[in-house]
Amino acid sequence: METACANPQTAGVVGRYAPSPTGAMHLGNARTALLAWLHSRAPGGRHLLRFEDLDTGRVRPWAYDLIRRDLEWLGLDWDEEVVQSRRLDLYREAAARLDTYPCTCTRREVLAAVQDSAGAPHGAEPVYPGTCRDPGARHPERPAALRWRVPDARVCARDRLTGQTLCQDLRMQVGDVVLRRNDGVYAYHLAVVVDDSAASVTDVLRGADLWAATPRQVALQAALGFPTPRYLHVPLMTDYRGERLAKRGGAPPVSALREAGESAGRVRAQLARSLGWAVPDEVEAADLLPLWRAALEGAPALPAGE
């Protein structure tokens, strides 16, 4: 078995795995958790567990401990735990440093405005047209969200794993970003930027579904004076139909395998094989460190899907 050895050039790596405690972990979550752990531990870095639980209406109190037990069973340890719902003051302070305005537009109104102006591709996230930049367009009787007035700039993000660069015109392709919803919940983009900076996270490995949102997070980091971490986006695990595994879709939970007496080593091997890695029938997490290092060094890293 290999152990993680510190490299003087990369020993300062701080990574994280950031699940939402809205239900049980499924195998897709477990694969991302494994890769995040490998990326942190390969250079001897620190690894954090962060519960992203700001959307309290969707949080399941039992999920915190279930996720911890599943990670421990898989051999994926962590050095520090962070819970977002205990850090609201940090998000409030960060939002106060940005150029913001209240917004009372409903989603239906935003969609109608976008369609009336230029039209939005079917299924695309609408770009907020800036209606509430005009105070006269606001509805004071409604609860207000808080939007960040994005700068007139083109911002780029680079993915270290794929080598891709994604550039977006903030006003034309993103629009003014919601920092706090009209129910008072702080938005994901603000929270993760603040949390990563507060924890000195250097490397963010996460699912490919978040790649398109990375430039706006880079822009928020610049506006707040935060450093930008290295980003690595990994493919999502899919089922036999090619559809993304999801809690809402009934993906089988890892806890069911654990409670049925399945071998954690066998599950780790299955996750590794889903990435195209040739491994024995059972492996320790640390046995996969050389394969991850090879992926980072330019070998065909990860498949586009199952």
C-alpha atoms as a PDB file:
ATOM      1  CA  MET A   1       0.000   0.000   0.000  1.00  0.00           C
ATOM      2  CA  GLU A   2       1.224   3.493  -0.809  1.00  0.00           C
ATOM      3  CA  THR A   3       1.039   6.352   1.634  1.00  0.00           C
ATOM      4  CA  ALA A   4       0.688  10.023   0.762  1.00  0.00           C
ATOM      5  CA  CYS A   5       4.097  11.708   0.818  1.00  0.00           C
ATOM      6  CA  ALA A   6       4.540  15.445   0.913  1.00  0.00           C
ATOM      7  CA  ASN A   7       6.117  17.154  -2.076  1.00  0.00           C
ATOM      8  CA  PRO A   8       7.794  20.462  -1.174  1.00  0.00           C
ATOM      9  CA  GLN A   9       6.120  22.144  -4.163  1.00  0.00           C
ATOM     10  CA  THR A  10       2.595  20.907  -3.457  1.00  0.00           C
ATOM     11  CA  ALA A  11       2.496  20.126   0.271  1.00  0.00           C
ATOM     12  CA  GLY A  12       0.496  23.310   0.797  1.00  0.00           C
ATOM     13  CA  VAL A  13      -2.521  21.853  -1.009  1.00  0.00           C
ATOM     14  CA  VAL A  14      -5.832  22.205   0.822  1.00  0.00           C
ATOM     15  CA  GLY A  15      -8.777  20.421  -0.758  1.00  0.00           C
ATOM     16  CA  ARG A  16     -12.330  19.752   0.263  1.00  0.00           C
ATOM     17  CA  TYR A  17     -15.379  17.585  -0.266  1.00  0.00           C
ATOM     18  CA  ALA A  18     -18.609  19.535   0.140  1.00  0.00           C
ATOM     19  CA  PRO A  19     -21.773  17.431   0.249  1.00  0.00           C
ATOM     20  CA  SER A  20     -25.276  18.762   0.823  1.00  0.00           C
ATOM     21  CA  PRO A  21     -26.974  16.856   3.683  1.00  0.00           C
ATOM     22  CA  THR A  22     -30.242  16.534   1.780  1.00  0.00           C
ATOM     23  CA  GLY A  23     -30.191  12.751   1.721  1.00  0.00           C
ATOM     24  CA  ALA A  24     -27.960   9.704   1.594  1.00  0.00           C
ATOM     25  CA  MET A  25     -24.786   9.561  -0.490  1.00  0.00           C
ATOM     26  CA  HIS A  26     -25.035   7.549  -3.701  1.00  0.00           C
ATOM     27  CA  LEU A  27     -22.174   6.050  -5.706  1.00  0.00           C
ATOM     28  CA  GLY A  28     -21.788   9.175  -7.834  1.00  0.00           C
ATOM     29  CA  ASN A  29     -21.280  11.255  -4.694  1.00  0.00           C
ATOM     30  CA  ALA A  30     -18.870   8.627  -3.399  1.00  0.00           C
ATOM     31  CA  ARG A  31     -16.768   8.723  -6.566  1.00  0.00           C
ATOM     32  CA  THR A  32     -16.423  12.507  -6.393  1.00  0.00           C
ATOM     33  CA  ALA A  33     -15.588  12.202  -2.677  1.00  0.00           C
ATOM     34  CA  LEU A  34     -12.906   9.620  -3.501  1.00  0.00           C
ATOM     35  CA  LEU A  35     -11.333  11.795  -6.199  1.00  0.00           C
ATOM     36  CA  ALA A  36     -11.387  14.878  -3.967  1.00  0.00           C
ATOM     37  CA  TRP A  37      -9.670  12.879  -1.214  1.00  0.00           C
ATOM     38  CA  LEU A  38      -7.064  11.511  -3.632  1.00  0.00           C
ATOM     39  CA  HIS A  39      -6.317  14.991  -4.919  1.00  0.00           C
ATOM     40  CA  SER A  40      -5.808  16.376  -1.416  1.00  0.00           C
ATOM     41  CA  ARG A  41      -3.799  13.439  -0.098  1.00  0.00           C
ATOM     42  CA  ALA A  42      -1.598  12.713  -3.130  1.00  0.00           C
ATOM     43  CA  PRO A  43       0.749  15.634  -2.324  1.00  0.00           C
ATOM     44  CA  GLY A  44       0.330  15.193   1.430  1.00  0.00           C
ATOM     45  CA  GLY A  45      -2.179  18.033   1.675  1.00  0.00           C
ATOM     46  CA  ARG A  46      -5.043  18.782   4.045  1.00  0.00           C
ATOM     47  CA  HIS A  47      -8.571  17.624   3.304  1.00  0.00           C
ATOM     48  CA  LEU A  48     -11.736  19.288   4.590  1.00  0.00           C
ATOM     49  CA  LEU A  49     -15.317  18.104   4.896  1.00  0.00           C
ATOM     50  CA  ARG A  50     -17.823  20.927   4.402  1.00  0.00           C
ATOM     51  CA  PHE A  51     -21.549  20.469   4.803  1.00  0.00           C
ATOM     52  CA  GLU A  52     -23.383  22.823   2.433  1.00  0.00           C
ATOM     53  CA  ASP A  53     -26.645  23.109   4.345  1.00  0.00           C
ATOM     54  CA  LEU A  54     -27.874  26.657   3.749  1.00  0.00           C
ATOM     55  CA  ASP A  55     -31.104  25.521   2.076  1.00  0.00           C
ATOM     56  CA  THR A  56     -32.608  24.382   5.359  1.00  0.00           C
ATOM     57  CA  GLY A  57     -35.895  23.353   3.774  1.00  0.00           C
ATOM     58  CA  ARG A  58     -34.127  20.530   1.922  1.00  0.00           C
ATOM     59  CA  VAL A  59     -31.746  19.484   4.718  1.00  0.00           C
ATOM     60  CA  ARG A  60     -32.345  16.151   6.456  1.00  0.00           C
ATOM     61  CA  PRO A  61     -30.867  16.207   9.995  1.00  0.00           C
ATOM     62  CA  TRP A  62     -29.981  12.501   9.862  1.00  0.00           C
ATOM     63  CA  ALA A  63     -27.924  12.968   6.690  1.00  0.00           C
ATOM     64  CA  TYR A  64     -24.924  14.610   8.397  1.00  0.00           C
ATOM     65  CA  ASP A  65     -23.978  11.562  10.417  1.00  0.00           C
ATOM     66  CA  LEU A  66     -24.892   9.155   7.621  1.00  0.00           C
ATOM     67  CA  ILE A  67     -22.477  10.926   5.251  1.00  0.00           C
ATOM     68  CA  ARG A  68     -19.742  10.900   7.894  1.00  0.00           C
ATOM     69  CA  ARG A  69     -20.182   7.160   8.443  1.00  0.00           C
ATOM     70  CA  ASP A  70     -20.139   6.431   4.717  1.00  0.00           C
ATOM     71  CA  LEU A  71     -16.936   8.432   4.228  1.00  0.00           C
ATOM     72  CA  GLU A  72     -15.278   6.706   7.190  1.00  0.00           C
ATOM     73  CA  TRP A  73     -16.330   3.318   5.814  1.00  0.00           C
ATOM     74  CA  LEU A  74     -14.747   4.180   2.455  1.00  0.00           C
ATOM     75  CA  GLY A  75     -11.525   5.206   4.225  1.00  0.00           C
ATOM     76  CA  LEU A  76     -11.821   8.871   3.249  1.00  0.00           C
ATOM     77  CA  ASP A  77     -10.706  10.812   6.307  1.00  0.00           C
ATOM     78  CA  TRP A  78     -10.678  14.569   6.788  1.00  0.00           C
ATOM     79  CA  ASP A  79      -8.731  17.074   8.877  1.00  0.00           C
ATOM     80  CA  GLU A  80     -11.445  19.609   9.613  1.00  0.00           C
ATOM     81  CA  GLU A  81     -15.218  19.864   9.354  1.00  0.00           C
ATOM     82  CA  VAL A  82     -17.111  23.010   8.381  1.00  0.00           C
ATOM     83  CA  VAL A  83     -20.887  23.545   8.514  1.00  0.00           C
ATOM     84  CA  GLN A  84     -22.159  26.412   6.377  1.00  0.00           C
ATOM     85  CA  SER A  85     -25.252  27.165   8.469  1.00  0.00           C
ATOM     86  CA  ARG A  86     -22.962  28.198  11.349  1.00  0.00           C
ATOM     87  CA  ARG A  87     -21.168  30.813   9.227  1.00  0.00           C
ATOM     88  CA  LEU A  88     -23.941  33.222   8.226  1.00  0.00           C
ATOM     89  CA  ASP A  89     -22.054  36.239   9.594  1.00  0.00           C
ATOM     90  CA  LEU A  90     -19.233  35.604   7.121  1.00  0.00           C
ATOM     91  CA  TYR A  91     -21.627  35.647   4.178  1.00  0.00           C
ATOM     92  CA  ARG A  92     -23.362  38.765   5.464  1.00  0.00           C
ATOM     93  CA  GLU A  93     -20.046  40.586   5.800  1.00  0.00           C
ATOM     94  CA  ALA A  94     -18.917  39.544   2.318  1.00  0.00           C
ATOM     95  CA  ALA A  95     -22.177  40.637   0.700  1.00  0.00           C
ATOM     96  CA  ALA A  96     -21.888  44.033   2.403  1.00  0.00           C
ATOM     97  CA  ARG A  97     -18.564  44.607   0.615  1.00  0.00           C
ATOM     98  CA  LEU A  98     -20.081  44.203  -2.845  1.00  0.00           C
ATOM     99  CA  ASP A  99     -22.095  46.524  -5.099  1.00  0.00           C
ATOM    100  CA  THR A 100     -25.594  45.134  -4.570  1.00  0.00           C
ATOM    101  CA  TYR A 101     -29.260  46.079  -4.873  1.00  0.00           C
ATOM    102  CA  PRO A 102     -32.582  44.562  -3.786  1.00  0.00           C
ATOM    103  CA  CYS A 103     -34.501  42.620  -6.409  1.00  0.00           C
ATOM    104  CA  THR A 104     -38.194  41.780  -6.215  1.00  0.00           C
ATOM    105  CA  CYS A 105     -38.533  40.119  -9.625  1.00  0.00           C
ATOM    106  CA  THR A 106     -40.123  36.683  -9.685  1.00  0.00           C
ATOM    107  CA  ARG A 107     -38.649  33.909 -11.801  1.00  0.00           C
ATOM    108  CA  ARG A 108     -41.672  34.121 -14.091  1.00  0.00           C
ATOM    109  CA  GLU A 109     -41.060  37.831 -14.621  1.00  0.00           C
ATOM    110  CA  VAL A 110     -37.392  37.228 -15.397  1.00  0.00           C
ATOM    111  CA  LEU A 111     -38.264  34.546 -17.951  1.00  0.00           C
ATOM    112  CA  ALA A 112     -40.858  36.794 -19.573  1.00  0.00           C
ATOM    113  CA  ALA A 113     -38.413  39.709 -19.775  1.00  0.00           C
ATOM    114  CA  VAL A 114     -35.722  37.540 -21.327  1.00  0.00           C
ATOM    115  CA  GLN A 115     -38.095  36.102 -23.911  1.00  0.00           C
ATOM    116  CA  ASP A 116     -39.430  39.540 -24.769  1.00  0.00           C
ATOM    117  CA  SER A 117     -35.928  40.922 -25.317  1.00  0.00           C
ATOM    118  CA  ALA A 118     -33.868  38.402 -27.229  1.00  0.00           C
ATOM    119  CA  GLY A 119     -35.206  35.005 -26.319  1.00  0.00           C
ATOM    120  CA  ALA A 120     -33.389  32.329 -24.349  1.00  0.00           C
ATOM    121  CA  PRO A 121     -32.427  28.880 -25.649  1.00  0.00           C
ATOM    122  CA  HIS A 122     -34.769  26.173 -24.416  1.00  0.00           C
ATOM    123  CA  GLY A 123     -33.580  24.881 -21.050  1.00  0.00           C
ATOM    124  CA  ALA A 124     -30.904  27.560 -20.655  1.00  0.00           C
ATOM    125  CA  GLU A 125     -30.573  29.503 -17.435  1.00  0.00           C
ATOM    126  CA  PRO A 126     -32.022  32.962 -18.127  1.00  0.00           C
ATOM    127  CA  VAL A 127     -29.668  35.925 -17.934  1.00  0.00           C
ATOM    128  CA  TYR A 128     -31.171  38.472 -15.572  1.00  0.00           C
ATOM    129  CA  PRO A 129     -31.889  41.625 -17.630  1.00  0.00           C
ATOM    130  CA  GLY A 130     -31.235  44.044 -14.753  1.00  0.00           C
ATOM    131  CA  THR A 131     -34.837  45.122 -14.218  1.00  0.00           C
ATOM    132  CA  CYS A 132     -34.418  46.021 -10.547  1.00  0.00           C
ATOM    133  CA  ARG A 133     -31.329  48.106 -11.176  1.00  0.00           C
ATOM    134  CA  ASP A 134     -33.991  50.771 -11.629  1.00  0.00           C
ATOM    135  CA  PRO A 135     -35.451  51.448  -8.150  1.00  0.00           C
ATOM    136  CA  GLY A 136     -38.733  52.420  -9.777  1.00  0.00           C
ATOM    137  CA  ALA A 137     -39.177  48.901 -11.127  1.00  0.00           C
ATOM    138  CA  ARG A 138     -39.077  47.272  -7.696  1.00  0.00           C
ATOM    139  CA  HIS A 139     -42.123  46.118  -5.741  1.00  0.00           C
ATOM    140  CA  PRO A 140     -41.557  47.193  -2.122  1.00  0.00           C
ATOM    141  CA  GLU A 141     -44.464  45.054  -0.917  1.00  0.00           C
ATOM    142  CA  ARG A 142     -42.612  41.894  -1.962  1.00  0.00           C
ATOM    143  CA  PRO A 143     -39.721  40.156  -0.178  1.00  0.00           C
ATOM    144  CA  ALA A 144     -36.491  41.087  -1.925  1.00  0.00           C
ATOM    145  CA  ALA A 145     -33.512  39.062  -3.016  1.00  0.00           C
ATOM    146  CA  LEU A 146     -30.061  40.651  -3.036  1.00  0.00           C
ATOM    147  CA  ARG A 147     -28.237  40.825  -6.372  1.00  0.00           C
ATOM    148  CA  TRP A 148     -24.621  41.663  -7.121  1.00  0.00           C
ATOM    149  CA  ARG A 149     -24.237  44.237  -9.851  1.00  0.00           C
ATOM    150  CA  VAL A 150     -21.658  42.378 -11.926  1.00  0.00           C
ATOM    151  CA  PRO A 151     -18.886  44.404 -13.566  1.00  0.00           C
ATOM    152  CA  ASP A 152     -18.823  44.927 -17.318  1.00  0.00           C
ATOM    153  CA  ALA A 153     -16.034  42.420 -17.828  1.00  0.00           C
ATOM    154  CA  ARG A 154     -15.064  39.151 -19.473  1.00  0.00           C
ATOM    155  CA  VAL A 155     -13.861  36.621 -16.924  1.00  0.00           C
ATOM    156  CA  CYS A 156     -12.099  33.329 -17.620  1.00  0.00           C
ATOM    157  CA  ALA A 157     -11.649  30.146 -15.609  1.00  0.00           C
ATOM    158  CA  ARG A 158      -9.219  27.318 -16.342  1.00  0.00           C
ATOM    159  CA  ASP A 159      -9.695  23.676 -15.488  1.00  0.00           C
ATOM    160  CA  ARG A 160      -6.443  22.046 -14.426  1.00  0.00           C
ATOM    161  CA  LEU A 161      -7.679  18.527 -15.142  1.00  0.00           C
ATOM    162  CA  THR A 162      -9.028  18.991 -18.671  1.00  0.00           C
ATOM    163  CA  GLY A 163      -6.930  21.998 -19.683  1.00  0.00           C
ATOM    164  CA  GLN A 164     -10.083  23.784 -20.828  1.00  0.00           C
ATOM    165  CA  THR A 165     -10.616  27.515 -20.429  1.00  0.00           C
ATOM    166  CA  LEU A 166     -14.097  28.970 -20.129  1.00  0.00           C
ATOM    167  CA  CYS A 167     -14.623  32.708 -20.636  1.00  0.00           C
ATOM    168  CA  GLN A 168     -17.896  34.531 -20.048  1.00  0.00           C
ATOM    169  CA  ASP A 169     -19.068  38.099 -20.494  1.00  0.00           C
ATOM    170  CA  LEU A 170     -20.594  38.692 -17.072  1.00  0.00           C
ATOM    171  CA  ARG A 171     -23.330  41.104 -18.141  1.00  0.00           C
ATOM    172  CA  MET A 172     -24.261  39.367 -21.377  1.00  0.00           C
ATOM    173  CA  GLN A 173     -23.918  35.711 -20.375  1.00  0.00           C
ATOM    174  CA  VAL A 174     -24.401  35.643 -16.599  1.00  0.00           C
ATOM    175  CA  GLY A 175     -26.319  38.718 -15.455  1.00  0.00           C
ATOM    176  CA  ASP A 176     -26.457  40.181 -11.972  1.00  0.00           C
ATOM    177  CA  VAL A 177     -25.914  37.315  -9.544  1.00  0.00           C
ATOM    178  CA  VAL A 178     -28.240  36.523  -6.630  1.00  0.00           C
ATOM    179  CA  LEU A 179     -26.249  36.581  -3.380  1.00  0.00           C
ATOM    180  CA  ARG A 180     -29.206  36.113  -1.028  1.00  0.00           C
ATOM    181  CA  ARG A 181     -32.586  34.719  -1.986  1.00  0.00           C
ATOM    182  CA  ASN A 182     -35.821  36.484  -1.125  1.00  0.00           C
ATOM    183  CA  ASP A 183     -36.352  33.985   1.718  1.00  0.00           C
ATOM    184  CA  GLY A 184     -33.101  35.105   3.351  1.00  0.00           C
ATOM    185  CA  VAL A 185     -30.981  32.079   2.324  1.00  0.00           C
ATOM    186  CA  TYR A 186     -27.489  32.989   1.109  1.00  0.00           C
ATOM    187  CA  ALA A 187     -26.760  31.732  -2.377  1.00  0.00           C
ATOM    188  CA  TYR A 188     -24.375  28.926  -3.235  1.00  0.00           C
ATOM    189  CA  HIS A 189     -21.971  31.048  -5.282  1.00  0.00           C
ATOM    190  CA  LEU A 190     -21.322  33.542  -2.490  1.00  0.00           C
ATOM    191  CA  ALA A 191     -21.076  30.901   0.217  1.00  0.00           C
ATOM    192  CA  VAL A 192     -18.562  28.651  -1.542  1.00  0.00           C
ATOM    193  CA  VAL A 193     -16.321  31.580  -2.470  1.00  0.00           C
ATOM    194  CA  VAL A 194     -16.302  32.828   1.114  1.00  0.00           C
ATOM    195  CA  ASP A 195     -15.802  29.348   2.580  1.00  0.00           C
ATOM    196  CA  ASP A 196     -12.953  28.421   0.259  1.00  0.00           C
ATOM    197  CA  SER A 197     -11.135  31.639   1.098  1.00  0.00           C
ATOM    198  CA  ALA A 198     -11.738  31.337   4.846  1.00  0.00           C
ATOM    199  CA  ALA A 199     -10.318  27.794   4.837  1.00  0.00           C
ATOM    200  CA  SER A 200      -7.399  28.683   2.526  1.00  0.00           C
ATOM    201  CA  VAL A 201      -8.588  26.079   0.015  1.00  0.00           C
ATOM    202  CA  THR A 202      -6.097  25.872  -2.848  1.00  0.00           C
ATOM    203  CA  ASP A 203      -7.718  23.160  -4.991  1.00  0.00           C
ATOM    204  CA  VAL A 204     -11.401  22.598  -5.743  1.00  0.00           C
ATOM    205  CA  LEU A 205     -12.296  19.228  -7.244  1.00  0.00           C
ATOM    206  CA  ARG A 206     -16.005  18.869  -7.944  1.00  0.00           C
ATOM    207  CA  GLY A 207     -18.556  17.629 -10.475  1.00  0.00           C
ATOM    208  CA  ALA A 208     -18.536  18.809 -14.078  1.00  0.00           C
ATOM    209  CA  ASP A 209     -22.052  20.218 -13.638  1.00  0.00           C
ATOM    210  CA  LEU A 210     -20.493  23.206 -11.820  1.00  0.00           C
ATOM    211  CA  TRP A 211     -17.982  24.088 -14.546  1.00  0.00           C
ATOM    212  CA  ALA A 212     -20.292  26.613 -16.251  1.00  0.00           C
ATOM    213  CA  ALA A 213     -20.667  28.548 -12.987  1.00  0.00           C
ATOM    214  CA  THR A 214     -16.931  28.829 -12.345  1.00  0.00           C
ATOM    215  CA  PRO A 215     -16.287  32.198 -14.082  1.00  0.00           C
ATOM    216  CA  ARG A 216     -18.837  33.984 -11.895  1.00  0.00           C
ATOM    217  CA  GLN A 217     -17.140  32.521  -8.820  1.00  0.00           C
ATOM    218  CA  VAL A 218     -13.771  33.717 -10.115  1.00  0.00           C
ATOM    219  CA  ALA A 219     -15.328  37.163 -10.572  1.00  0.00           C
ATOM    220  CA  LEU A 220     -16.656  37.144  -7.002  1.00  0.00           C
ATOM    221  CA  GLN A 221     -13.224  36.167  -5.714  1.00  0.00           C
ATOM    222  CA  ALA A 222     -11.670  39.116  -7.554  1.00  0.00           C
ATOM    223  CA  ALA A 223     -14.306  41.537  -6.256  1.00  0.00           C
ATOM    224  CA  LEU A 224     -13.733  40.387  -2.665  1.00  0.00           C
ATOM    225  CA  GLY A 225      -9.944  40.314  -2.952  1.00  0.00           C
ATOM    226  CA  PHE A 226      -9.774  36.531  -2.508  1.00  0.00           C
ATOM    227  CA  PRO A 227      -7.268  34.256  -4.279  1.00  0.00           C
ATOM    228  CA  THR A 228      -8.619  31.920  -6.952  1.00  0.00           C
ATOM    229  CA  PRO A 229      -8.023  28.227  -6.240  1.00  0.00           C
ATOM    230  CA  ARG A 230      -7.125  25.656  -8.875  1.00  0.00           C
ATOM    231  CA  TYR A 231     -10.262  24.058 -10.315  1.00  0.00           C
ATOM    232  CA  LEU A 232     -10.694  20.448 -11.421  1.00  0.00           C
ATOM    233  CA  HIS A 233     -14.064  19.250 -12.711  1.00  0.00           C
ATOM    234  CA  VAL A 234     -14.705  15.526 -12.929  1.00  0.00           C
ATOM    235  CA  PRO A 235     -17.387  13.717 -14.963  1.00  0.00           C
ATOM    236  CA  LEU A 236     -20.629  12.778 -13.268  1.00  0.00           C
ATOM    237  CA  MET A 237     -21.444   9.140 -12.761  1.00  0.00           C
ATOM    238  CA  THR A 238     -24.348   7.921 -14.892  1.00  0.00           C
ATOM    239  CA  ASP A 239     -26.722   4.959 -14.854  1.00  0.00           C
ATOM    240  CA  TYR A 240     -27.318   2.388 -17.590  1.00  0.00           C
ATOM    241  CA  ARG A 241     -29.486   4.920 -19.446  1.00  0.00           C
ATOM    242  CA  GLY A 242     -26.703   7.481 -19.459  1.00  0.00           C
ATOM    243  CA  GLU A 243     -28.565   9.666 -16.976  1.00  0.00           C
ATOM    244  CA  ARG A 244     -26.812  11.334 -14.068  1.00  0.00           C
ATOM    245  CA  LEU A 245     -27.108   9.538 -10.737  1.00  0.00           C
ATOM    246  CA  ALA A 246     -29.127  11.726  -8.376  1.00  0.00           C
ATOM    247  CA  LYS A 247     -30.769  11.468  -4.979  1.00  0.00           C
ATOM    248  CA  ARG A 248     -34.055  12.700  -6.398  1.00  0.00           C
ATOM    249  CA  GLY A 249     -33.860   9.983  -9.048  1.00  0.00           C
ATOM    250  CA  GLY A 250     -33.627   7.251  -6.440  1.00  0.00           C
ATOM    251  CA  ALA A 251     -29.957   6.367  -6.892  1.00  0.00           C
ATOM    252  CA  PRO A 252     -29.047   3.519  -4.479  1.00  0.00           C
ATOM    253  CA  PRO A 253     -27.379   4.847  -1.323  1.00  0.00           C
ATOM    254  CA  VAL A 254     -23.883   3.879  -0.219  1.00  0.00           C
ATOM    255  CA  SER A 255     -25.260   3.222   3.260  1.00  0.00           C
ATOM    256  CA  ALA A 256     -27.338   0.339   1.895  1.00  0.00           C
ATOM    257  CA  LEU A 257     -24.168  -1.378   0.674  1.00  0.00           C
ATOM    258  CA  ARG A 258     -22.414  -0.714   3.973  1.00  0.00           C
ATOM    259  CA  GLU A 259     -25.314  -2.012   6.064  1.00  0.00           C
ATOM    260  CA  ALA A 260     -25.670  -5.091   3.844  1.00  0.00           C
ATOM    261  CA  GLY A 261     -22.109  -6.107   4.697  1.00  0.00           C
ATOM    262  CA  GLU A 262     -20.536  -5.255   1.358  1.00  0.00           C
ATOM    263  CA  SER A 263     -16.755  -4.831   1.362  1.00  0.00           C
ATOM    264  CA  ALA A 264     -15.593  -1.215   1.263  1.00  0.00           C
ATOM    265  CA  GLY A 265     -12.550  -2.351  -0.721  1.00  0.00           C
ATOM    266  CA  ARG A 266     -14.799  -3.842  -3.391  1.00  0.00           C
ATOM    267  CA  VAL A 267     -16.849  -0.635  -3.631  1.00  0.00           C
ATOM    268  CA  ARG A 268     -13.657   1.412  -3.970  1.00  0.00           C
ATOM    269  CA  ALA A 269     -12.534  -0.920  -6.753  1.00  0.00           C
ATOM    270  CA  GLN A 270     -15.846  -0.498  -8.564  1.00  0.00           C
ATOM    271  CA  LEU A 271     -15.540   3.283  -8.351  1.00  0.00           C
ATOM    272  CA  ALA A 272     -11.966   3.126  -9.679  1.00  0.00           C
ATOM    273  CA  ARG A 273     -12.976   0.854 -12.557  1.00  0.00           C
ATOM    274  CA  SER A 274     -15.756   3.245 -13.517  1.00  0.00           C
ATOM    275  CA  LEU A 275     -12.934   5.723 -14.224  1.00  0.00           C
ATOM    276  CA  GLY A 276     -11.164   3.254 -16.492  1.00  0.00           C
ATOM    277  CA  TRP A 277      -8.524   2.352 -13.920  1.00  0.00           C
ATOM    278  CA  ALA A 278      -7.280  -1.258 -13.854  1.00  0.00           C
ATOM    279  CA  VAL A 279      -7.372  -2.356 -10.225  1.00  0.00           C
ATOM    280  CA  PRO A 280      -7.800  -5.613  -8.269  1.00  0.00           C
ATOM    281  CA  ASP A 281     -11.189  -6.687  -6.979  1.00  0.00           C
ATOM    282  CA  GLU A 282     -10.515  -4.918  -3.661  1.00  0.00           C
ATOM    283  CA  VAL A 283      -8.331  -1.861  -3.020  1.00  0.00           C
ATOM    284  CA  GLU A 284      -7.485   0.538  -0.237  1.00  0.00           C
ATOM    285  CA  ALA A 285      -8.034   4.226  -0.942  1.00  0.00           C
ATOM    286  CA  ALA A 286      -4.298   4.907  -0.695  1.00  0.00           C
ATOM    287  CA  ASP A 287      -3.614   2.267  -3.368  1.00  0.00           C
ATOM    288  CA  LEU A 288      -5.252   4.620  -5.886  1.00  0.00           C
ATOM    289  CA  LEU A 289      -2.885   7.526  -5.230  1.00  0.00           C
ATOM    290  CA  PRO A 290      -0.434   6.612  -8.043  1.00  0.00           C
ATOM    291  CA  LEU A 291      -3.304   6.382 -10.540  1.00  0.00           C
ATOM    292  CA  TRP A 292      -4.502   9.854  -9.603  1.00  0.00           C
ATOM    293  CA  ARG A 293      -0.995  11.265  -9.870  1.00  0.00           C
ATOM    294  CA  ALA A 294      -0.707   9.738 -13.349  1.00  0.00           C
ATOM    295  CA  ALA A 295      -3.999  11.368 -14.328  1.00  0.00           C
ATOM    296  CA  LEU A 296      -2.666  14.756 -13.263  1.00  0.00           C
ATOM    297  CA  GLU A 297       0.606  14.249 -15.104  1.00  0.00           C
ATOM    298  CA  GLY A 298      -1.091  14.098 -18.474  1.00  0.00           C
ATOM    299  CA  ALA A 299      -2.333  10.551 -18.909  1.00  0.00           C
ATOM    300  CA  PRO A 300      -5.903  10.275 -20.301  1.00  0.00           C
ATOM    301  CA  ALA A 301      -7.393  11.296 -17.006  1.00  0.00           C
ATOM    302  CA  LEU A 302     -11.065  10.473 -16.782  1.00  0.00           C
ATOM    303  CA  PRO A 303     -13.719   9.307 -19.233  1.00  0.00           C
ATOM    304  CA  ALA A 304     -16.496  11.655 -20.315  1.00  0.00           C
ATOM    305  CA  GLY A 305     -19.094   9.300 -18.877  1.00  0.00           C
ATOM    306  CA  GLU A 306     -19.989   5.688 -18.277  1.00  0.00           C
END
